[in-house]
């Protein structure tokens, strides 16, 4: 595998994680629209604890999984 294949493989993994996470993020946005919120959900990637926040002022959701090297993002 060359460097280009490695990069494409990482991109494919990120897209797969996003596809698995999108339904949860969309649900959080719908349930907490225009409200600040923080909570814990089951991580759709590893089944661990996913800490989430929703910001009322812009609707962004951020998350961080307790499992090392799993999900961690900020919108």
PDB file of N, CA and C in Angstrom:
ATOM      1  N   UNK A   1       0.839  -1.182   0.000  1.00  0.00           N
ATOM      2  CA  UNK A   1       0.000   0.000   0.000  1.00  0.00           C
ATOM      3  C   UNK A   1       0.882   1.242   0.000  1.00  0.00           C
ATOM      4  N   UNK A   2       0.605   2.162  -0.885  1.00  0.00           N
ATOM      5  CA  UNK A   2       1.397   3.390  -0.910  1.00  0.00           C
ATOM      6  C   UNK A   2       0.705   4.476  -0.073  1.00  0.00           C
ATOM      7  N   UNK A   3       1.351   5.617   0.004  1.00  0.00           N
ATOM      8  CA  UNK A   3       0.844   6.697   0.850  1.00  0.00           C
ATOM      9  C   UNK A   3      -0.545   7.155   0.412  1.00  0.00           C
ATOM     10  N   UNK A   4      -0.785   7.216  -0.880  1.00  0.00           N
ATOM     11  CA  UNK A   4      -2.093   7.639  -1.386  1.00  0.00           C
ATOM     12  C   UNK A   4      -3.193   6.667  -0.949  1.00  0.00           C
ATOM     13  N   UNK A   5      -2.887   5.372  -0.976  1.00  0.00           N
ATOM     14  CA  UNK A   5      -3.861   4.377  -0.517  1.00  0.00           C
ATOM     15  C   UNK A   5      -4.132   4.522   0.973  1.00  0.00           C
ATOM     16  N   UNK A   6      -3.090   4.807   1.761  1.00  0.00           N
ATOM     17  CA  UNK A   6      -3.247   5.012   3.206  1.00  0.00           C
ATOM     18  C   UNK A   6      -4.158   6.198   3.489  1.00  0.00           C
ATOM     19  N   UNK A   7      -3.951   7.281   2.751  1.00  0.00           N
ATOM     20  CA  UNK A   7      -4.762   8.484   2.938  1.00  0.00           C
ATOM     21  C   UNK A   7      -6.220   8.186   2.579  1.00  0.00           C
ATOM     22  N   UNK A   8      -6.436   7.506   1.458  1.00  0.00           N
ATOM     23  CA  UNK A   8      -7.805   7.178   1.045  1.00  0.00           C
ATOM     24  C   UNK A   8      -8.474   6.266   2.059  1.00  0.00           C
ATOM     25  N   UNK A   9      -7.727   5.327   2.625  1.00  0.00           N
ATOM     26  CA  UNK A   9      -8.274   4.432   3.637  1.00  0.00           C
ATOM     27  C   UNK A   9      -8.725   5.212   4.878  1.00  0.00           C
ATOM     28  N   UNK A  10      -7.933   6.180   5.307  1.00  0.00           N
ATOM     29  CA  UNK A  10      -8.304   7.013   6.465  1.00  0.00           C
ATOM     30  C   UNK A  10      -9.535   7.850   6.163  1.00  0.00           C
ATOM     31  N   UNK A  11      -9.615   8.394   4.968  1.00  0.00           N
ATOM     32  CA  UNK A  11     -10.793   9.179   4.573  1.00  0.00           C
ATOM     33  C   UNK A  11     -12.034   8.291   4.589  1.00  0.00           C
ATOM     34  N   UNK A  12     -11.914   7.071   4.052  1.00  0.00           N
ATOM     35  CA  UNK A  12     -13.050   6.137   4.037  1.00  0.00           C
ATOM     36  C   UNK A  12     -13.510   5.804   5.451  1.00  0.00           C
ATOM     37  N   UNK A  13     -12.571   5.622   6.378  1.00  0.00           N
ATOM     38  CA  UNK A  13     -12.918   5.334   7.769  1.00  0.00           C
ATOM     39  C   UNK A  13     -13.640   6.513   8.413  1.00  0.00           C
ATOM     40  N   UNK A  14     -13.186   7.738   8.131  1.00  0.00           N
ATOM     41  CA  UNK A  14     -13.846   8.924   8.686  1.00  0.00           C
ATOM     42  C   UNK A  14     -15.268   9.055   8.161  1.00  0.00           C
ATOM     43  N   UNK A  15     -15.463   8.816   6.881  1.00  0.00           N
ATOM     44  CA  UNK A  15     -16.799   8.894   6.286  1.00  0.00           C
ATOM     45  C   UNK A  15     -17.717   7.841   6.897  1.00  0.00           C
ATOM     46  N   UNK A  16     -17.209   6.636   7.118  1.00  0.00           N
ATOM     47  CA  UNK A  16     -17.993   5.570   7.732  1.00  0.00           C
ATOM     48  C   UNK A  16     -18.415   5.957   9.149  1.00  0.00           C
ATOM     49  N   UNK A  17     -17.508   6.559   9.909  1.00  0.00           N
ATOM     50  CA  UNK A  17     -17.838   7.004  11.268  1.00  0.00           C
ATOM     51  C   UNK A  17     -18.904   8.101  11.232  1.00  0.00           C
ATOM     52  N   UNK A  18     -18.778   9.028  10.291  1.00  0.00           N
ATOM     53  CA  UNK A  18     -19.766  10.101  10.169  1.00  0.00           C
ATOM     54  C   UNK A  18     -21.138   9.527   9.832  1.00  0.00           C
ATOM     55  N   UNK A  19     -21.167   8.561   8.919  1.00  0.00           N
ATOM     56  CA  UNK A  19     -22.439   7.938   8.530  1.00  0.00           C
ATOM     57  C   UNK A  19     -23.112   7.258   9.720  1.00  0.00           C
ATOM     58  N   UNK A  20     -22.326   6.656  10.606  1.00  0.00           N
ATOM     59  CA  UNK A  20     -22.880   5.989  11.781  1.00  0.00           C
ATOM     60  C   UNK A  20     -23.302   6.988  12.861  1.00  0.00           C
ATOM     61  N   UNK A  21     -22.671   8.159  12.879  1.00  0.00           N
ATOM     62  CA  UNK A  21     -22.922   9.160  13.912  1.00  0.00           C
ATOM     63  C   UNK A  21     -24.037  10.129  13.527  1.00  0.00           C
ATOM     64  N   UNK A  22     -24.239  10.368  12.246  1.00  0.00           N
ATOM     65  CA  UNK A  22     -25.226  11.354  11.776  1.00  0.00           C
ATOM     66  C   UNK A  22     -26.631  11.167  12.346  1.00  0.00           C
ATOM     67  N   UNK A  23     -27.191   9.945  12.398  1.00  0.00           N
ATOM     68  CA  UNK A  23     -28.550   9.813  12.950  1.00  0.00           C
ATOM     69  C   UNK A  23     -28.640  10.297  14.403  1.00  0.00           C
ATOM     70  N   UNK A  24     -27.632  10.003  15.202  1.00  0.00           N
ATOM     71  CA  UNK A  24     -27.619  10.445  16.601  1.00  0.00           C
ATOM     72  C   UNK A  24     -27.542  11.968  16.676  1.00  0.00           C
ATOM     73  N   UNK A  25     -26.651  12.559  15.911  1.00  0.00           N
ATOM     74  CA  UNK A  25     -26.488  14.015  15.919  1.00  0.00           C
ATOM     75  C   UNK A  25     -27.777  14.692  15.458  1.00  0.00           C
ATOM     76  N   UNK A  26     -28.387  14.178  14.418  1.00  0.00           N
ATOM     77  CA  UNK A  26     -29.640  14.758  13.920  1.00  0.00           C
ATOM     78  C   UNK A  26     -30.757  14.658  14.954  1.00  0.00           C
ATOM     79  N   UNK A  27     -30.805  13.545  15.695  1.00  0.00           N
ATOM     80  CA  UNK A  27     -31.815  13.393  16.749  1.00  0.00           C
ATOM     81  C   UNK A  27     -31.589  14.400  17.862  1.00  0.00           C
ATOM     82  N   UNK A  28     -30.335  14.569  18.270  1.00  0.00           N
ATOM     83  CA  UNK A  28     -30.011  15.525  19.329  1.00  0.00           C
ATOM     84  C   UNK A  28     -30.409  16.936  18.888  1.00  0.00           C
ATOM     85  N   UNK A  29     -30.098  17.291  17.662  1.00  0.00           N
ATOM     86  CA  UNK A  29     -30.453  18.622  17.153  1.00  0.00           C
ATOM     87  C   UNK A  29     -31.964  18.827  17.147  1.00  0.00           C
ATOM     88  N   UNK A  30     -32.717  17.817  16.764  1.00  0.00           N
ATOM     89  CA  UNK A  30     -34.174  17.934  16.716  1.00  0.00           C
ATOM     90  C   UNK A  30     -34.781  18.004  18.120  1.00  0.00           C
ATOM     91  N   UNK A  31     -34.286  17.181  19.022  1.00  0.00           N
ATOM     92  CA  UNK A  31     -34.849  17.135  20.374  1.00  0.00           C
ATOM     93  C   UNK A  31     -34.522  18.377  21.199  1.00  0.00           C
ATOM     94  N   UNK A  32     -33.387  18.994  20.936  1.00  0.00           N
ATOM     95  CA  UNK A  32     -32.923  20.089  21.790  1.00  0.00           C
ATOM     96  C   UNK A  32     -32.804  21.409  21.038  1.00  0.00           C
ATOM     97  N   UNK A  33     -33.576  21.544  19.976  1.00  0.00           N
ATOM     98  CA  UNK A  33     -33.550  22.756  19.167  1.00  0.00           C
ATOM     99  C   UNK A  33     -33.774  23.994  20.044  1.00  0.00           C
ATOM    100  N   UNK A  34     -32.898  24.962  19.900  1.00  0.00           N
ATOM    101  CA  UNK A  34     -32.940  26.240  20.619  1.00  0.00           C
ATOM    102  C   UNK A  34     -32.781  26.090  22.130  1.00  0.00           C
ATOM    103  N   UNK A  35     -32.168  24.967  22.562  1.00  0.00           N
ATOM    104  CA  UNK A  35     -31.898  24.754  23.988  1.00  0.00           C
ATOM    105  C   UNK A  35     -30.457  24.281  24.156  1.00  0.00           C
ATOM    106  N   UNK A  36     -29.764  24.813  25.161  1.00  0.00           N
ATOM    107  CA  UNK A  36     -28.468  24.247  25.527  1.00  0.00           C
ATOM    108  C   UNK A  36     -28.734  22.898  26.180  1.00  0.00           C
ATOM    109  N   UNK A  37     -27.866  21.945  25.913  1.00  0.00           N
ATOM    110  CA  UNK A  37     -28.039  20.606  26.453  1.00  0.00           C
ATOM    111  C   UNK A  37     -26.692  19.913  26.543  1.00  0.00           C
ATOM    112  N   UNK A  38     -26.532  19.076  27.527  1.00  0.00           N
ATOM    113  CA  UNK A  38     -25.369  18.212  27.658  1.00  0.00           C
ATOM    114  C   UNK A  38     -25.854  16.868  28.174  1.00  0.00           C
ATOM    115  N   UNK A  39     -25.295  15.798  27.635  1.00  0.00           N
ATOM    116  CA  UNK A  39     -25.710  14.473  28.071  1.00  0.00           C
ATOM    117  C   UNK A  39     -24.769  13.398  27.584  1.00  0.00           C
ATOM    118  N   UNK A  40     -25.118  12.179  27.921  1.00  0.00           N
ATOM    119  CA  UNK A  40     -24.325  11.014  27.538  1.00  0.00           C
ATOM    120  C   UNK A  40     -25.220  10.052  26.777  1.00  0.00           C
ATOM    121  N   UNK A  41     -24.728   9.569  25.655  1.00  0.00           N
ATOM    122  CA  UNK A  41     -25.431   8.596  24.819  1.00  0.00           C
ATOM    123  C   UNK A  41     -24.485   7.422  24.565  1.00  0.00           C
ATOM    124  N   UNK A  42     -25.040   6.340  24.049  1.00  0.00           N
ATOM    125  CA  UNK A  42     -24.218   5.196  23.653  1.00  0.00           C
ATOM    126  C   UNK A  42     -23.499   5.559  22.357  1.00  0.00           C
ATOM    127  N   UNK A  43     -22.200   5.344  22.328  1.00  0.00           N
ATOM    128  CA  UNK A  43     -21.409   5.643  21.138  1.00  0.00           C
ATOM    129  C   UNK A  43     -21.799   4.680  20.017  1.00  0.00           C
ATOM    130  N   UNK A  44     -22.155   5.213  18.839  1.00  0.00           N
ATOM    131  CA  UNK A  44     -22.541   4.348  17.728  1.00  0.00           C
ATOM    132  C   UNK A  44     -21.364   3.599  17.097  1.00  0.00           C
ATOM    133  N   UNK A  45     -20.151   3.945  17.494  1.00  0.00           N
ATOM    134  CA  UNK A  45     -18.967   3.284  16.943  1.00  0.00           C
ATOM    135  C   UNK A  45     -18.526   2.123  17.832  1.00  0.00           C
ATOM    136  N   UNK A  46     -18.343   2.388  19.137  1.00  0.00           N
ATOM    137  CA  UNK A  46     -17.763   1.365  20.022  1.00  0.00           C
ATOM    138  C   UNK A  46     -18.713   0.870  21.102  1.00  0.00           C
ATOM    139  N   UNK A  47     -19.863   1.546  21.295  1.00  0.00           N
ATOM    140  CA  UNK A  47     -20.797   1.156  22.338  1.00  0.00           C
ATOM    141  C   UNK A  47     -20.464   1.730  23.706  1.00  0.00           C
ATOM    142  N   UNK A  48     -19.415   2.555  23.779  1.00  0.00           N
ATOM    143  CA  UNK A  48     -19.025   3.191  25.035  1.00  0.00           C
ATOM    144  C   UNK A  48     -19.865   4.414  25.330  1.00  0.00           C
ATOM    145  N   UNK A  49     -19.375   5.250  26.242  1.00  0.00           N
ATOM    146  CA  UNK A  49     -20.090   6.469  26.629  1.00  0.00           C
ATOM    147  C   UNK A  49     -19.627   7.641  25.763  1.00  0.00           C
ATOM    148  N   UNK A  50     -20.590   8.254  25.083  1.00  0.00           N
ATOM    149  CA  UNK A  50     -20.326   9.399  24.218  1.00  0.00           C
ATOM    150  C   UNK A  50     -20.908  10.641  24.889  1.00  0.00           C
ATOM    151  N   UNK A  51     -20.051  11.551  25.309  1.00  0.00           N
ATOM    152  CA  UNK A  51     -20.465  12.797  25.949  1.00  0.00           C
ATOM    153  C   UNK A  51     -20.765  13.810  24.850  1.00  0.00           C
ATOM    154  N   UNK A  52     -21.960  14.404  24.923  1.00  0.00           N
ATOM    155  CA  UNK A  52     -22.420  15.318  23.882  1.00  0.00           C
ATOM    156  C   UNK A  52     -22.865  16.646  24.473  1.00  0.00           C
ATOM    157  N   UNK A  53     -22.723  17.700  23.684  1.00  0.00           N
ATOM    158  CA  UNK A  53     -23.295  18.996  24.024  1.00  0.00           C
ATOM    159  C   UNK A  53     -23.986  19.558  22.795  1.00  0.00           C
ATOM    160  N   UNK A  54     -25.053  20.317  23.053  1.00  0.00           N
ATOM    161  CA  UNK A  54     -25.784  21.015  21.995  1.00  0.00           C
ATOM    162  C   UNK A  54     -25.849  22.481  22.385  1.00  0.00           C
ATOM    163  N   UNK A  55     -25.468  23.347  21.463  1.00  0.00           N
ATOM    164  CA  UNK A  55     -25.469  24.788  21.721  1.00  0.00           C
ATOM    165  C   UNK A  55     -26.734  25.421  21.152  1.00  0.00           C
ATOM    166  N   UNK A  56     -27.467  26.142  22.001  1.00  0.00           N
ATOM    167  CA  UNK A  56     -28.717  26.773  21.588  1.00  0.00           C
ATOM    168  C   UNK A  56     -28.491  27.855  20.536  1.00  0.00           C
ATOM    169  N   UNK A  57     -27.412  28.609  20.663  1.00  0.00           N
ATOM    170  CA  UNK A  57     -27.234  29.780  19.803  1.00  0.00           C
ATOM    171  C   UNK A  57     -26.929  29.435  18.356  1.00  0.00           C
ATOM    172  N   UNK A  58     -26.362  28.247  18.063  1.00  0.00           N
ATOM    173  CA  UNK A  58     -26.078  27.909  16.666  1.00  0.00           C
ATOM    174  C   UNK A  58     -26.486  26.480  16.297  1.00  0.00           C
ATOM    175  N   UNK A  59     -26.976  25.711  17.261  1.00  0.00           N
ATOM    176  CA  UNK A  59     -27.425  24.356  16.985  1.00  0.00           C
ATOM    177  C   UNK A  59     -26.326  23.330  16.804  1.00  0.00           C
ATOM    178  N   UNK A  60     -25.100  23.695  17.087  1.00  0.00           N
ATOM    179  CA  UNK A  60     -23.997  22.764  16.891  1.00  0.00           C
ATOM    180  C   UNK A  60     -23.971  21.700  17.980  1.00  0.00           C
ATOM    181  N   UNK A  61     -23.566  20.505  17.573  1.00  0.00           N
ATOM    182  CA  UNK A  61     -23.396  19.389  18.493  1.00  0.00           C
ATOM    183  C   UNK A  61     -21.924  19.000  18.489  1.00  0.00           C
ATOM    184  N   UNK A  62     -21.373  18.812  19.674  1.00  0.00           N
ATOM    185  CA  UNK A  62     -20.002  18.346  19.831  1.00  0.00           C
ATOM    186  C   UNK A  62     -20.032  17.078  20.658  1.00  0.00           C
ATOM    187  N   UNK A  63     -19.055  16.197  20.418  1.00  0.00           N
ATOM    188  CA  UNK A  63     -19.043  14.948  21.146  1.00  0.00           C
ATOM    189  C   UNK A  63     -17.645  14.420  21.387  1.00  0.00           C
ATOM    190  N   UNK A  64     -17.529  13.649  22.450  1.00  0.00           N
ATOM    191  CA  UNK A  64     -16.261  13.021  22.792  1.00  0.00           C
ATOM    192  C   UNK A  64     -16.547  11.685  23.474  1.00  0.00           C
ATOM    193  N   UNK A  65     -16.050  10.608  22.888  1.00  0.00           N
ATOM    194  CA  UNK A  65     -16.231   9.276  23.443  1.00  0.00           C
ATOM    195  C   UNK A  65     -15.156   9.021  24.495  1.00  0.00           C
ATOM    196  N   UNK A  66     -15.537   8.303  25.554  1.00  0.00           N
ATOM    197  CA  UNK A  66     -14.582   7.956  26.604  1.00  0.00           C
ATOM    198  C   UNK A  66     -13.549   6.936  26.133  1.00  0.00           C
ATOM    199  N   UNK A  67     -13.860   6.201  25.059  1.00  0.00           N
ATOM    200  CA  UNK A  67     -12.935   5.201  24.536  1.00  0.00           C
ATOM    201  C   UNK A  67     -11.811   5.887  23.777  1.00  0.00           C
ATOM    202  N   UNK A  68     -10.587   5.511  24.099  1.00  0.00           N
ATOM    203  CA  UNK A  68      -9.417   6.111  23.442  1.00  0.00           C
ATOM    204  C   UNK A  68      -9.477   5.883  21.928  1.00  0.00           C
ATOM    205  N   UNK A  69      -9.110   6.921  21.177  1.00  0.00           N
ATOM    206  CA  UNK A  69      -9.048   6.879  19.716  1.00  0.00           C
ATOM    207  C   UNK A  69     -10.391   6.615  19.042  1.00  0.00           C
ATOM    208  N   UNK A  70     -11.485   6.948  19.729  1.00  0.00           N
ATOM    209  CA  UNK A  70     -12.806   6.800  19.112  1.00  0.00           C
ATOM    210  C   UNK A  70     -13.270   8.190  18.661  1.00  0.00           C
ATOM    211  N   UNK A  71     -14.543   8.495  18.808  1.00  0.00           N
ATOM    212  CA  UNK A  71     -15.095   9.758  18.332  1.00  0.00           C
ATOM    213  C   UNK A  71     -14.664  10.940  19.188  1.00  0.00           C
ATOM    214  N   UNK A  72     -14.426  12.063  18.522  1.00  0.00           N
ATOM    215  CA  UNK A  72     -14.123  13.327  19.187  1.00  0.00           C
ATOM    216  C   UNK A  72     -14.234  14.414  18.132  1.00  0.00           C
ATOM    217  N   UNK A  73     -15.267  15.259  18.235  1.00  0.00           N
ATOM    218  CA  UNK A  73     -15.455  16.300  17.231  1.00  0.00           C
ATOM    219  C   UNK A  73     -16.110  17.538  17.842  1.00  0.00           C
ATOM    220  N   UNK A  74     -15.994  18.638  17.118  1.00  0.00           N
ATOM    221  CA  UNK A  74     -16.658  19.874  17.472  1.00  0.00           C
ATOM    222  C   UNK A  74     -17.138  20.517  16.184  1.00  0.00           C
ATOM    223  N   UNK A  75     -18.421  20.876  16.148  1.00  0.00           N
ATOM    224  CA  UNK A  75     -18.956  21.576  14.976  1.00  0.00           C
ATOM    225  C   UNK A  75     -18.681  23.052  15.117  1.00  0.00           C
TER     226      UNK A  75
END
